[in-house]
């Protein structure tokens, strides 16, 4: 391979590896980001559940404390009442103070510093729940549960400082138009612009609303990038996929290079699988099959190297090489062929479409005619062949040269009556898929219909993949023309095929 081709192929391999790396990077980053977002939402949900539980517990305590303090409401605020009020907060974890209200002033309180304080500017009595600073300590925020009873009004203030850390940066609580954040109390509701990215969580209480902040794209990516495990997964997976793409590209290129070498040096040999006449049981022909045994790779299946040959344009050289070896085999004179003996060879649609195909026909048809062999080109029916004027002219040229046309793998791909009519094959080869359906217990109407249709159109039929005697008997009973498969013989080297022919001739 010259330097230019080497550089081009190297560039293609690098491009393939780069594309694999980028695509895998995108996919893995997306998956890791989604996973990171899900984990974040899970953490926030757990945090919200804890905040809700604490908030509800605090309100229950406030209700209970208010209920216990209510018998004291309306009584003169003497030493006994103040002592009783002072003892109640100690029974609960977060209650800051219990206060009785009269004429917008605190008439009695569990905190002596609150007594007689004006609460008109701190506590609106038309609310059931209110967040504000305390009366005596402006640096402390409380949430006050306001209870109106016939004997008067009281409120229980609970300390909110313990909630700050629980809220973190993602949760806020709204109560009566005010919002508690991790930074403190804000005199704005959730509807304000500063909280536009927050979304209310399902309500657990009519007294308050808990909301969480939906993260921005940058933060979502940050959840991923902050995790060394995620980054390791992303980079390692992307690198592995790039390496695999590089290796596959090298392997494909290596197979192409080795295939080209094998074709040039005739290392891919023809093998011959007998085709049996159903009426006489005589060997009426054979299919030429390419077999490649690599010194290092071992046996390389045709399903592996034939597609590479077709996609890289090597199929034409491969066909030429096989025909040259077939002619060399035939000229050995070690086998006797009956008149009309046929050799079938698969021809790629890409080869038929090539501009050199007519010259190919003109070269090989007289050689096989001189050898007394009828050459049959099998065109696989799995290819979606565009029936155009150019193809029709090529088919006509094939037939005029004495070469016959067989439609291979019939029934498995793009065949239809119009296709058969335009191609006008001399024979069709029924795919092994239909042969396998032949059962000893039941009829196989589909294959019967194919044979009947071919008879009506004066087209010869060959059944491929015959592996059992009952299949051969069924096909013969239904007037198949020819049979091919391992029941009769596997593909053979020419020397073995010559021996098979000679043995068959003696039996006849």
Protein backbone atom coordinates (compact mmCIF):
# COMPACT_ATOMS: atom_id res chain seq x y z
CA UNK A 1 0.00 0.00 0.00
CA UNK A 2 1.44 3.39 -0.98
CA UNK A 3 2.04 6.24 1.42
CA UNK A 4 -1.02 8.21 0.31
CA UNK A 5 -3.38 5.29 0.93
CA UNK A 6 -1.70 4.59 4.24
CA UNK A 7 -2.22 8.17 5.40
CA UNK A 8 -5.80 8.22 4.15
CA UNK A 9 -6.64 5.00 5.95
CA UNK A 10 -4.94 6.21 9.11
CA UNK A 11 -6.94 9.43 8.91
CA UNK A 12 -10.16 7.44 8.51
CA UNK A 13 -9.32 5.28 11.49
CA UNK A 14 -8.57 8.37 13.58
CA UNK A 15 -11.86 9.91 12.47
CA UNK A 16 -13.75 6.72 13.37
CA UNK A 17 -12.09 6.61 16.79
CA UNK A 18 -12.80 10.32 17.37
CA UNK A 19 -16.45 9.94 16.39
CA UNK A 20 -16.79 6.92 18.70
CA UNK A 21 -15.14 8.87 21.54
CA UNK A 22 -17.35 11.94 21.08
CA UNK A 23 -20.59 9.98 20.68
CA UNK A 24 -19.81 7.82 23.70
CA UNK A 25 -18.80 10.94 25.64
CA UNK A 26 -22.14 12.55 24.82
CA UNK A 27 -24.14 9.45 25.70
CA UNK A 28 -22.26 8.67 28.92
CA UNK A 29 -22.28 12.32 30.01
CA UNK A 30 -26.03 12.46 29.39
CA UNK A 31 -26.59 9.26 31.35
CA UNK A 32 -24.29 10.39 34.16
CA UNK A 33 -25.99 13.80 34.24
CA UNK A 34 -29.43 12.22 34.40
CA UNK A 35 -28.17 9.96 37.15
CA UNK A 36 -26.67 12.95 38.96
CA UNK A 37 -29.93 14.89 38.63
CA UNK A 38 -31.94 11.92 39.87
CA UNK A 39 -29.61 11.53 42.83
CA UNK A 40 -29.90 15.26 43.57
CA UNK A 41 -33.69 15.12 43.40
CA UNK A 42 -33.66 12.08 45.64
CA UNK A 43 -31.49 13.90 48.19
CA UNK A 44 -33.77 16.95 48.05
CA UNK A 45 -36.85 14.73 48.45
CA UNK A 46 -35.30 13.09 51.52
CA UNK A 47 -34.34 16.50 52.88
CA UNK A 48 -37.86 17.83 52.22
CA UNK A 49 -39.38 14.85 54.00
CA UNK A 50 -37.21 15.58 57.03
CA UNK A 51 -38.14 19.29 56.99
CA UNK A 52 -41.84 18.48 56.68
CA UNK A 53 -41.63 15.97 59.49
CA UNK A 54 -39.87 18.51 61.73
CA UNK A 55 -42.30 21.29 60.79
CA UNK A 56 -45.35 19.14 61.45
CA UNK A 57 -43.88 17.93 64.73
CA UNK A 58 -43.22 21.52 65.77
CA UNK A 59 -46.81 22.56 64.96
CA UNK A 60 -48.21 19.57 66.85
CA UNK A 61 -46.14 20.57 69.86
CA UNK A 62 -47.41 24.14 69.55
CA UNK A 63 -51.03 22.96 69.39
CA UNK A 64 -50.50 20.73 72.41
CA UNK A 65 -48.76 23.50 74.38
CA UNK A 66 -51.57 25.92 73.51
CA UNK A 67 -54.12 23.37 74.70
CA UNK A 68 -52.25 22.93 78.01
CA UNK A 69 -51.92 26.70 78.49
CA UNK A 70 -55.54 27.53 77.63
CA UNK A 71 -56.90 26.89 81.20
CA UNK A 72 -54.61 29.70 82.42
CA UNK A 73 -55.91 32.17 79.81
CA UNK A 74 -58.13 34.85 81.35
CA UNK A 75 -56.71 34.48 84.84
CA UNK A 76 -54.71 37.30 86.47
CA UNK A 77 -51.00 37.04 85.52
CA UNK A 78 -49.73 36.33 88.99
CA UNK A 79 -46.72 34.34 90.14
CA UNK A 80 -48.50 31.00 89.87
CA UNK A 81 -49.70 31.60 86.31
CA UNK A 82 -46.28 32.83 85.17
CA UNK A 83 -44.62 29.84 86.83
CA UNK A 84 -47.01 27.43 85.11
CA UNK A 85 -46.41 29.10 81.73
CA UNK A 86 -42.65 29.09 82.29
CA UNK A 87 -42.62 25.34 82.86
CA UNK A 88 -44.48 24.41 79.65
CA UNK A 89 -41.75 25.22 77.00
CA UNK A 90 -39.33 22.93 78.77
CA UNK A 91 -41.56 19.98 77.86
CA UNK A 92 -41.03 20.56 74.13
CA UNK A 93 -37.91 20.70 72.01
CA UNK A 94 -38.41 23.87 69.97
CA UNK A 95 -41.01 26.02 71.78
CA UNK A 96 -39.50 29.43 72.53
CA UNK A 97 -42.33 31.10 74.43
CA UNK A 98 -46.05 30.94 75.29
CA UNK A 99 -47.85 34.29 75.40
CA UNK A 100 -51.28 35.64 76.34
CA UNK A 101 -52.55 38.71 74.43
CA UNK A 102 -54.83 41.51 75.57
CA UNK A 103 -55.38 44.75 73.69
CA UNK A 104 -52.44 44.17 71.29
CA UNK A 105 -50.09 43.65 74.23
CA UNK A 106 -48.64 40.57 75.88
CA UNK A 107 -50.45 40.34 79.19
CA UNK A 108 -48.61 37.25 80.40
CA UNK A 109 -45.73 35.16 79.07
CA UNK A 110 -43.44 32.27 79.82
CA UNK A 111 -40.65 34.82 79.21
CA UNK A 112 -40.79 37.69 81.69
CA UNK A 113 -39.05 39.96 79.13
CA UNK A 114 -42.09 39.70 76.87
CA UNK A 115 -44.62 40.91 79.40
CA UNK A 116 -46.47 44.10 78.45
CA UNK A 117 -44.69 44.18 75.03
CA UNK A 118 -46.64 45.72 72.13
CA UNK A 119 -47.09 43.02 69.46
CA UNK A 120 -49.19 45.06 67.04
CA UNK A 121 -46.20 45.65 64.71
CA UNK A 122 -44.95 42.03 64.96
CA UNK A 123 -47.94 39.72 65.06
CA UNK A 124 -51.12 40.18 62.97
CA UNK A 125 -53.88 38.51 64.96
CA UNK A 126 -55.94 37.68 61.87
CA UNK A 127 -53.40 34.99 60.87
CA UNK A 128 -53.30 31.43 62.16
CA UNK A 129 -49.55 31.10 61.65
CA UNK A 130 -46.93 33.81 61.38
CA UNK A 131 -43.15 34.04 61.10
CA UNK A 132 -41.30 37.00 62.62
CA UNK A 133 -38.55 38.09 64.95
CA UNK A 134 -39.11 37.63 68.65
CA UNK A 135 -40.29 40.50 70.80
CA UNK A 136 -37.32 40.55 73.14
CA UNK A 137 -34.55 39.15 70.87
CA UNK A 138 -34.67 40.63 67.32
CA UNK A 139 -31.94 38.29 66.09
CA UNK A 140 -34.10 35.18 66.68
CA UNK A 141 -36.82 34.12 64.22
CA UNK A 142 -39.87 32.25 65.42
CA UNK A 143 -43.03 30.82 63.96
CA UNK A 144 -46.08 31.67 66.01
CA UNK A 145 -49.24 29.58 66.20
CA UNK A 146 -52.09 31.97 67.07
CA UNK A 147 -55.11 30.52 68.87
CA UNK A 148 -58.33 32.45 69.56
CA UNK A 149 -60.43 31.17 72.46
CA UNK A 150 -63.53 32.58 74.19
CA UNK A 151 -61.47 33.60 77.17
CA UNK A 152 -58.87 35.36 75.02
CA UNK A 153 -56.02 34.96 72.53
CA UNK A 154 -52.68 33.20 72.95
CA UNK A 155 -49.77 32.38 70.70
CA UNK A 156 -47.03 29.79 70.95
CA UNK A 157 -43.70 30.85 69.41
CA UNK A 158 -41.35 28.09 68.18
CA UNK A 159 -37.67 28.66 67.42
CA UNK A 160 -36.90 28.44 63.68
CA UNK A 161 -33.11 28.44 63.87
CA UNK A 162 -32.88 24.65 63.82
CA UNK A 163 -34.58 24.63 60.39
CA UNK A 164 -31.91 26.77 58.66
CA UNK A 165 -29.44 23.95 58.15
CA UNK A 166 -32.21 21.51 57.28
CA UNK A 167 -33.44 23.77 54.48
CA UNK A 168 -30.01 24.11 52.88
CA UNK A 169 -29.79 25.87 49.51
CA UNK A 170 -32.62 23.96 47.85
CA UNK A 171 -35.66 24.29 50.13
CA UNK A 172 -37.75 27.19 51.39
CA UNK A 173 -40.93 27.45 53.49
CA UNK A 174 -43.71 29.99 52.88
CA UNK A 175 -46.07 30.95 55.67
CA UNK A 176 -48.74 33.64 55.22
CA UNK A 177 -46.84 35.44 52.46
CA UNK A 178 -43.42 35.32 54.12
CA UNK A 179 -40.64 32.93 53.16
CA UNK A 180 -38.05 31.23 55.34
CA UNK A 181 -34.73 30.42 53.66
CA UNK A 182 -31.42 29.09 54.91
CA UNK A 183 -30.25 32.70 55.09
CA UNK A 184 -33.18 33.87 57.19
CA UNK A 185 -36.68 35.30 56.83
CA UNK A 186 -37.69 37.13 53.64
CA UNK A 187 -40.76 39.36 53.47
CA UNK A 188 -41.74 38.03 50.04
CA UNK A 189 -43.94 35.13 48.93
CA UNK A 190 -43.16 32.32 46.50
CA UNK A 191 -44.81 34.36 43.76
CA UNK A 192 -42.05 36.96 43.85
CA UNK A 193 -39.37 37.15 41.13
CA UNK A 194 -36.53 36.02 43.39
CA UNK A 195 -38.24 32.64 43.87
CA UNK A 196 -39.18 32.05 40.20
CA UNK A 197 -37.03 28.88 40.02
CA UNK A 198 -38.76 27.30 43.01
CA UNK A 199 -41.54 24.77 42.67
CA UNK A 200 -44.02 23.92 45.41
CA UNK A 201 -43.95 20.36 46.71
CA UNK A 202 -47.17 18.44 47.40
CA UNK A 203 -48.96 20.06 50.35
CA UNK A 204 -48.79 18.29 53.70
CA UNK A 205 -50.38 21.11 55.69
CA UNK A 206 -52.73 24.02 54.86
CA UNK A 207 -50.66 26.25 57.15
CA UNK A 208 -47.42 26.33 55.13
CA UNK A 209 -45.93 25.57 51.69
CA UNK A 210 -42.61 23.81 51.16
CA UNK A 211 -40.88 24.46 47.82
CA UNK A 212 -37.68 23.25 46.18
CA UNK A 213 -35.36 24.98 43.75
CA UNK A 214 -35.03 23.39 40.29
CA UNK A 215 -31.34 23.37 39.38
CA UNK A 216 -29.99 25.13 36.31
CA UNK A 217 -28.13 23.32 33.51
CA UNK A 218 -24.75 24.42 34.84
CA UNK A 219 -25.56 23.01 38.26
CA UNK A 220 -26.81 19.75 36.75
CA UNK A 221 -23.55 19.33 34.87
CA UNK A 222 -21.76 20.28 38.05
CA UNK A 223 -23.39 17.39 39.89
CA UNK A 224 -21.77 15.14 37.33
CA UNK A 225 -18.37 16.83 37.16
CA UNK A 226 -18.06 16.94 40.94
CA UNK A 227 -18.22 13.17 41.05
CA UNK A 228 -14.90 11.50 40.31
CA UNK A 229 -16.76 8.23 39.88
CA UNK A 230 -18.98 9.72 37.14
CA UNK A 231 -16.03 11.38 35.44
CA UNK A 232 -14.06 8.14 35.55
CA UNK A 233 -17.02 6.27 34.04
CA UNK A 234 -17.46 8.85 31.27
CA UNK A 235 -13.80 9.08 30.29
CA UNK A 236 -13.02 5.37 30.59
CA UNK A 237 -16.09 4.30 28.60
CA UNK A 238 -15.41 6.89 25.89
CA UNK A 239 -11.77 5.83 25.68
CA UNK A 240 -12.71 2.15 25.48
CA UNK A 241 -15.22 2.80 22.69
CA UNK A 242 -12.68 4.87 20.78
CA UNK A 243 -10.13 2.06 21.14
CA UNK A 244 -12.69 -0.48 19.94
CA UNK A 245 -13.54 1.68 16.93
CA UNK A 246 -9.84 2.00 16.15
CA UNK A 247 -9.34 -1.75 16.45
CA UNK A 248 -12.39 -2.50 14.31
CA UNK A 249 -11.19 -0.04 11.69
CA UNK A 250 -7.74 -1.65 11.72
CA UNK A 251 -9.28 -5.10 11.58
CA UNK A 252 -11.51 -4.14 8.67
CA UNK A 253 -8.61 -2.51 6.89
CA UNK A 254 -6.41 -5.49 7.73
CA UNK A 255 -9.03 -7.91 6.38
CA UNK A 256 -9.33 -5.84 3.23
CA UNK A 257 -5.55 -5.83 2.78
CA UNK A 258 -5.26 -9.56 3.41
CA UNK A 259 -8.22 -10.27 1.17
CA UNK A 260 -6.65 -8.30 -1.67
CA UNK A 261 -3.39 -10.20 -1.19
CA UNK A 262 -5.22 -13.55 -1.08
CA UNK A 263 -7.07 -12.77 -4.32
CA UNK A 264 -3.91 -11.66 -6.13
CA UNK A 265 -2.10 -14.86 -5.12
CA UNK A 266 -5.08 -17.17 -5.74
CA UNK A 267 -5.29 -18.21 -2.10
CA UNK A 268 -9.10 -18.26 -2.22
CA UNK A 269 -9.95 -21.49 -4.01
CA UNK A 270 -13.05 -22.77 -5.79
CA UNK A 271 -14.92 -25.67 -4.24
CA UNK A 272 -17.65 -27.56 -6.06
CA UNK A 273 -20.97 -28.67 -4.60
CA UNK A 274 -22.77 -31.17 -6.85
CA UNK A 275 -26.20 -30.40 -8.29
CA UNK A 276 -28.28 -33.56 -8.81
CA UNK A 277 -30.90 -34.10 -11.53
CA UNK A 278 -34.08 -35.17 -9.70
CA UNK A 279 -35.29 -37.45 -12.52
CA UNK A 280 -32.06 -39.37 -13.20
CA UNK A 281 -30.11 -38.90 -9.93
CA UNK A 282 -27.13 -37.99 -12.16
CA UNK A 283 -24.79 -35.11 -11.40
CA UNK A 284 -25.97 -32.42 -13.80
CA UNK A 285 -23.79 -29.60 -12.53
CA UNK A 286 -22.13 -27.96 -9.57
CA UNK A 287 -22.07 -24.64 -7.78
CA UNK A 288 -18.67 -22.94 -7.50
CA UNK A 289 -18.14 -21.73 -3.93
CA UNK A 290 -15.22 -19.61 -2.69
CA UNK A 291 -13.22 -21.07 0.20
CA UNK A 292 -10.45 -19.22 2.04
CA UNK A 293 -8.19 -20.90 4.56
CA UNK A 294 -5.88 -18.27 6.02
CA UNK A 295 -2.51 -19.37 7.43
CA UNK A 296 -3.09 -17.43 10.67
CA UNK A 297 -6.84 -16.86 10.85
CA UNK A 298 -7.77 -20.36 9.78
CA UNK A 299 -10.99 -20.86 7.84
CA UNK A 300 -12.58 -17.51 6.97
CA UNK A 301 -16.31 -17.95 6.27
CA UNK A 302 -17.65 -16.52 2.98
CA UNK A 303 -20.21 -14.56 5.00
CA UNK A 304 -17.25 -12.60 6.39
CA UNK A 305 -15.07 -11.90 3.36
CA UNK A 306 -17.66 -11.74 0.54
CA UNK A 307 -19.36 -8.58 1.95
CA UNK A 308 -15.92 -6.97 2.34
CA UNK A 309 -15.08 -7.88 -1.27
CA UNK A 310 -18.37 -6.39 -2.47
CA UNK A 311 -18.06 -3.18 -0.45
CA UNK A 312 -14.45 -2.55 -1.51
CA UNK A 313 -14.73 -3.46 -5.19
CA UNK A 314 -12.59 -6.59 -4.81
CA UNK A 315 -15.49 -8.83 -5.84
CA UNK A 316 -14.61 -8.43 -9.53
CA UNK A 317 -11.01 -9.52 -8.95
CA UNK A 318 -12.25 -12.40 -6.77
CA UNK A 319 -14.61 -13.62 -9.52
CA UNK A 320 -11.82 -13.43 -12.11
CA UNK A 321 -9.47 -15.37 -9.82
CA UNK A 322 -12.03 -18.11 -9.20
CA UNK A 323 -12.78 -18.52 -12.90
CA UNK A 324 -9.08 -18.77 -13.75
CA UNK A 325 -8.67 -21.53 -11.19
CA UNK A 326 -11.82 -23.29 -12.41
CA UNK A 327 -10.45 -23.32 -15.96
CA UNK A 328 -7.14 -24.70 -14.66
CA UNK A 329 -9.08 -27.42 -12.82
CA UNK A 330 -11.14 -28.34 -15.87
CA UNK A 331 -8.05 -28.54 -18.09
CA UNK A 332 -6.45 -31.18 -15.87
CA UNK A 333 -8.53 -33.81 -17.64
CA UNK A 334 -9.15 -35.86 -14.51
CA UNK A 335 -12.95 -35.68 -14.76
CA UNK A 336 -15.40 -36.47 -17.53
CA UNK A 337 -18.39 -34.16 -17.85
CA UNK A 338 -21.62 -35.16 -19.56
CA UNK A 339 -23.04 -32.92 -22.30
CA UNK A 340 -24.77 -29.82 -20.96
CA UNK A 341 -22.91 -29.97 -17.66
CA UNK A 342 -23.45 -26.69 -15.78
CA UNK A 343 -21.19 -24.75 -13.45
CA UNK A 344 -23.02 -22.13 -11.37
CA UNK A 345 -21.19 -19.06 -10.10
CA UNK A 346 -22.54 -16.22 -7.95
CA UNK A 347 -22.26 -12.85 -9.66
CA UNK A 348 -22.59 -9.69 -7.61
CA UNK A 349 -24.97 -6.99 -8.79
CA UNK A 350 -22.08 -4.55 -8.33
CA UNK A 351 -20.11 -6.58 -10.88
CA UNK A 352 -23.00 -6.68 -13.36
CA UNK A 353 -23.31 -2.90 -13.06
CA UNK A 354 -19.60 -2.32 -13.67
CA UNK A 355 -18.61 -0.85 -17.05
CA UNK A 356 -16.15 -3.70 -17.65
CA UNK A 357 -18.79 -6.43 -17.35
CA UNK A 358 -19.44 -6.82 -21.09
CA UNK A 359 -15.71 -7.38 -21.71
CA UNK A 360 -15.74 -9.89 -18.85
CA UNK A 361 -18.53 -11.82 -20.60
CA UNK A 362 -16.84 -11.68 -23.98
CA UNK A 363 -13.64 -13.07 -22.47
CA UNK A 364 -15.01 -16.00 -20.47
CA UNK A 365 -18.00 -17.25 -22.46
CA UNK A 366 -15.95 -18.68 -25.39
CA UNK A 367 -13.49 -20.33 -22.96
CA UNK A 368 -16.22 -22.32 -21.20
CA UNK A 369 -18.00 -23.02 -24.47
CA UNK A 370 -14.78 -24.55 -25.82
CA UNK A 371 -14.55 -26.71 -22.66
CA UNK A 372 -18.10 -27.98 -23.25
CA UNK A 373 -19.31 -26.46 -20.00
CA UNK A 374 -22.45 -24.32 -19.62
CA UNK A 375 -21.71 -21.40 -17.34
CA UNK A 376 -24.60 -20.23 -15.13
CA UNK A 377 -24.51 -16.88 -13.36
CA UNK A 378 -26.45 -16.87 -10.09
CA UNK A 379 -27.76 -13.43 -9.21
CA UNK A 380 -28.78 -13.34 -5.57
CA UNK A 381 -32.35 -12.35 -4.99
CA UNK A 382 -31.41 -10.73 -1.65
CA UNK A 383 -30.02 -7.73 -3.55
CA UNK A 384 -32.52 -4.98 -4.27
CA UNK A 385 -31.73 -4.81 -7.97
CA UNK A 386 -33.03 -1.83 -9.90
CA UNK A 387 -34.43 -3.19 -13.16
CA UNK A 388 -33.34 -0.51 -15.63
CA UNK A 389 -32.58 -0.48 -19.36
CA UNK A 390 -28.83 -0.83 -18.76
CA UNK A 391 -29.31 -3.94 -16.62
CA UNK A 392 -31.75 -5.45 -19.12
CA UNK A 393 -29.18 -4.95 -21.90
CA UNK A 394 -26.51 -6.65 -19.76
CA UNK A 395 -28.80 -9.62 -19.13
CA UNK A 396 -29.52 -9.91 -22.85
CA UNK A 397 -25.78 -9.83 -23.58
CA UNK A 398 -25.20 -12.62 -21.04
CA UNK A 399 -27.82 -14.81 -22.68
CA UNK A 400 -26.57 -14.14 -26.22
CA UNK A 401 -23.11 -15.26 -25.11
CA UNK A 402 -24.49 -18.67 -24.11
CA UNK A 403 -24.32 -18.07 -20.36
CA UNK A 404 -27.49 -18.82 -18.42
CA UNK A 405 -29.11 -16.89 -15.59
CA UNK A 406 -30.25 -18.35 -12.29
CA UNK A 407 -32.07 -16.42 -9.57
CA UNK A 408 -30.44 -17.43 -6.27
CA UNK A 409 -31.98 -17.50 -2.78
CA UNK A 410 -35.47 -17.30 -4.26
CA UNK A 411 -38.20 -16.29 -1.81
CA UNK A 412 -36.03 -14.58 0.79
CA UNK A 413 -35.75 -10.98 -0.37
CA UNK A 414 -37.04 -8.71 -3.09
CA UNK A 415 -38.52 -11.19 -5.59
CA UNK A 416 -41.84 -10.68 -7.29
CA UNK A 417 -43.40 -11.74 -10.58
CA UNK A 418 -42.43 -8.47 -12.28
CA UNK A 419 -38.82 -8.99 -11.19
CA UNK A 420 -38.78 -12.54 -12.60
CA UNK A 421 -40.45 -11.34 -15.78
CA UNK A 422 -37.87 -8.61 -16.37
CA UNK A 423 -34.86 -10.73 -15.46
CA UNK A 424 -36.18 -13.79 -17.36
CA UNK A 425 -34.03 -16.31 -15.47
CA UNK A 426 -33.46 -19.78 -16.90
CA UNK A 427 -33.80 -21.23 -13.42
CA UNK A 428 -34.52 -20.33 -9.83
CA UNK A 429 -32.83 -21.74 -6.75
CA UNK A 430 -35.31 -22.16 -3.91
CA UNK A 431 -33.69 -21.03 -0.69
CA UNK A 432 -32.82 -23.57 2.01
CA UNK A 433 -35.26 -21.81 4.34
CA UNK A 434 -38.14 -23.42 2.42
CA UNK A 435 -36.40 -26.80 2.23
CA UNK A 436 -36.13 -26.86 6.03
CA UNK A 437 -39.90 -26.49 6.27
CA UNK A 438 -40.45 -29.87 4.62
CA UNK A 439 -41.76 -32.22 7.28
CA UNK A 440 -42.35 -35.95 7.35
CA UNK A 441 -45.73 -35.37 8.98
CA UNK A 442 -47.25 -32.50 6.96
CA UNK A 443 -47.30 -31.06 3.44
CA UNK A 444 -45.43 -27.89 2.54
CA UNK A 445 -47.83 -25.94 0.29
CA UNK A 446 -45.55 -22.89 -0.05
CA UNK A 447 -42.73 -24.75 -1.78
CA UNK A 448 -45.33 -26.60 -3.89
CA UNK A 449 -46.65 -23.24 -5.11
CA UNK A 450 -43.15 -22.04 -6.02
CA UNK A 451 -42.44 -25.20 -8.03
CA UNK A 452 -45.85 -25.02 -9.77
CA UNK A 453 -45.35 -21.34 -10.65
CA UNK A 454 -41.90 -22.05 -12.13
CA UNK A 455 -43.31 -24.94 -14.19
CA UNK A 456 -45.99 -22.70 -15.61
CA UNK A 457 -43.34 -20.10 -16.54
CA UNK A 458 -41.04 -22.78 -18.04
CA UNK A 459 -38.32 -22.04 -15.46
CA UNK A 460 -36.14 -24.82 -14.04
CA UNK A 461 -36.08 -25.23 -10.27
CA UNK A 462 -33.28 -26.24 -7.90
CA UNK A 463 -33.85 -26.80 -4.19
CA UNK A 464 -30.92 -25.79 -1.98
CA UNK A 465 -30.11 -27.12 1.47
CA UNK A 466 -31.34 -30.70 1.04
CA UNK A 467 -30.03 -32.52 4.10
CA UNK A 468 -32.37 -35.49 4.56
CA UNK A 469 -33.71 -38.27 2.39
CA UNK A 470 -37.36 -37.44 3.11
CA UNK A 471 -36.74 -33.90 1.83
CA UNK A 472 -35.32 -35.25 -1.43
CA UNK A 473 -38.25 -37.70 -1.79
CA UNK A 474 -40.83 -34.96 -1.16
CA UNK A 475 -39.22 -32.60 -3.70
CA UNK A 476 -38.94 -35.32 -6.32
CA UNK A 477 -42.59 -36.24 -5.81
CA UNK A 478 -43.48 -32.59 -6.41
CA UNK A 479 -41.48 -32.46 -9.67
CA UNK A 480 -38.46 -30.42 -8.62
CA UNK A 481 -35.85 -30.35 -11.40
CA UNK A 482 -32.61 -30.37 -9.40
CA UNK A 483 -31.40 -30.92 -5.84
CA UNK A 484 -28.40 -29.55 -3.97
CA UNK A 485 -27.27 -30.02 -0.39
CA UNK A 486 -25.27 -31.98 2.15
CA UNK A 487 -27.50 -35.04 1.70
CA UNK A 488 -25.66 -35.55 -1.58
CA UNK A 489 -22.31 -33.87 -0.87
CA UNK A 490 -20.60 -30.99 0.85
CA UNK A 491 -18.56 -28.55 -1.29
CA UNK A 492 -15.48 -30.41 -2.54
CA UNK A 493 -12.03 -29.55 -3.82
CA UNK A 494 -11.73 -30.27 -7.53
CA UNK A 495 -9.83 -33.51 -7.05
CA UNK A 496 -12.48 -34.79 -4.65
CA UNK A 497 -15.23 -33.54 -6.96
CA UNK A 498 -13.67 -35.43 -9.87
CA UNK A 499 -13.67 -38.58 -7.75
CA UNK A 500 -17.32 -37.97 -6.82
CA UNK A 501 -18.21 -37.58 -10.51
CA UNK A 502 -16.40 -40.72 -11.54
CA UNK A 503 -18.04 -42.73 -8.73
CA UNK A 504 -21.47 -41.40 -9.69
CA UNK A 505 -20.87 -42.31 -13.34
CA UNK A 506 -20.00 -45.91 -12.38
CA UNK A 507 -23.20 -46.20 -10.32
CA UNK A 508 -25.22 -44.98 -13.29
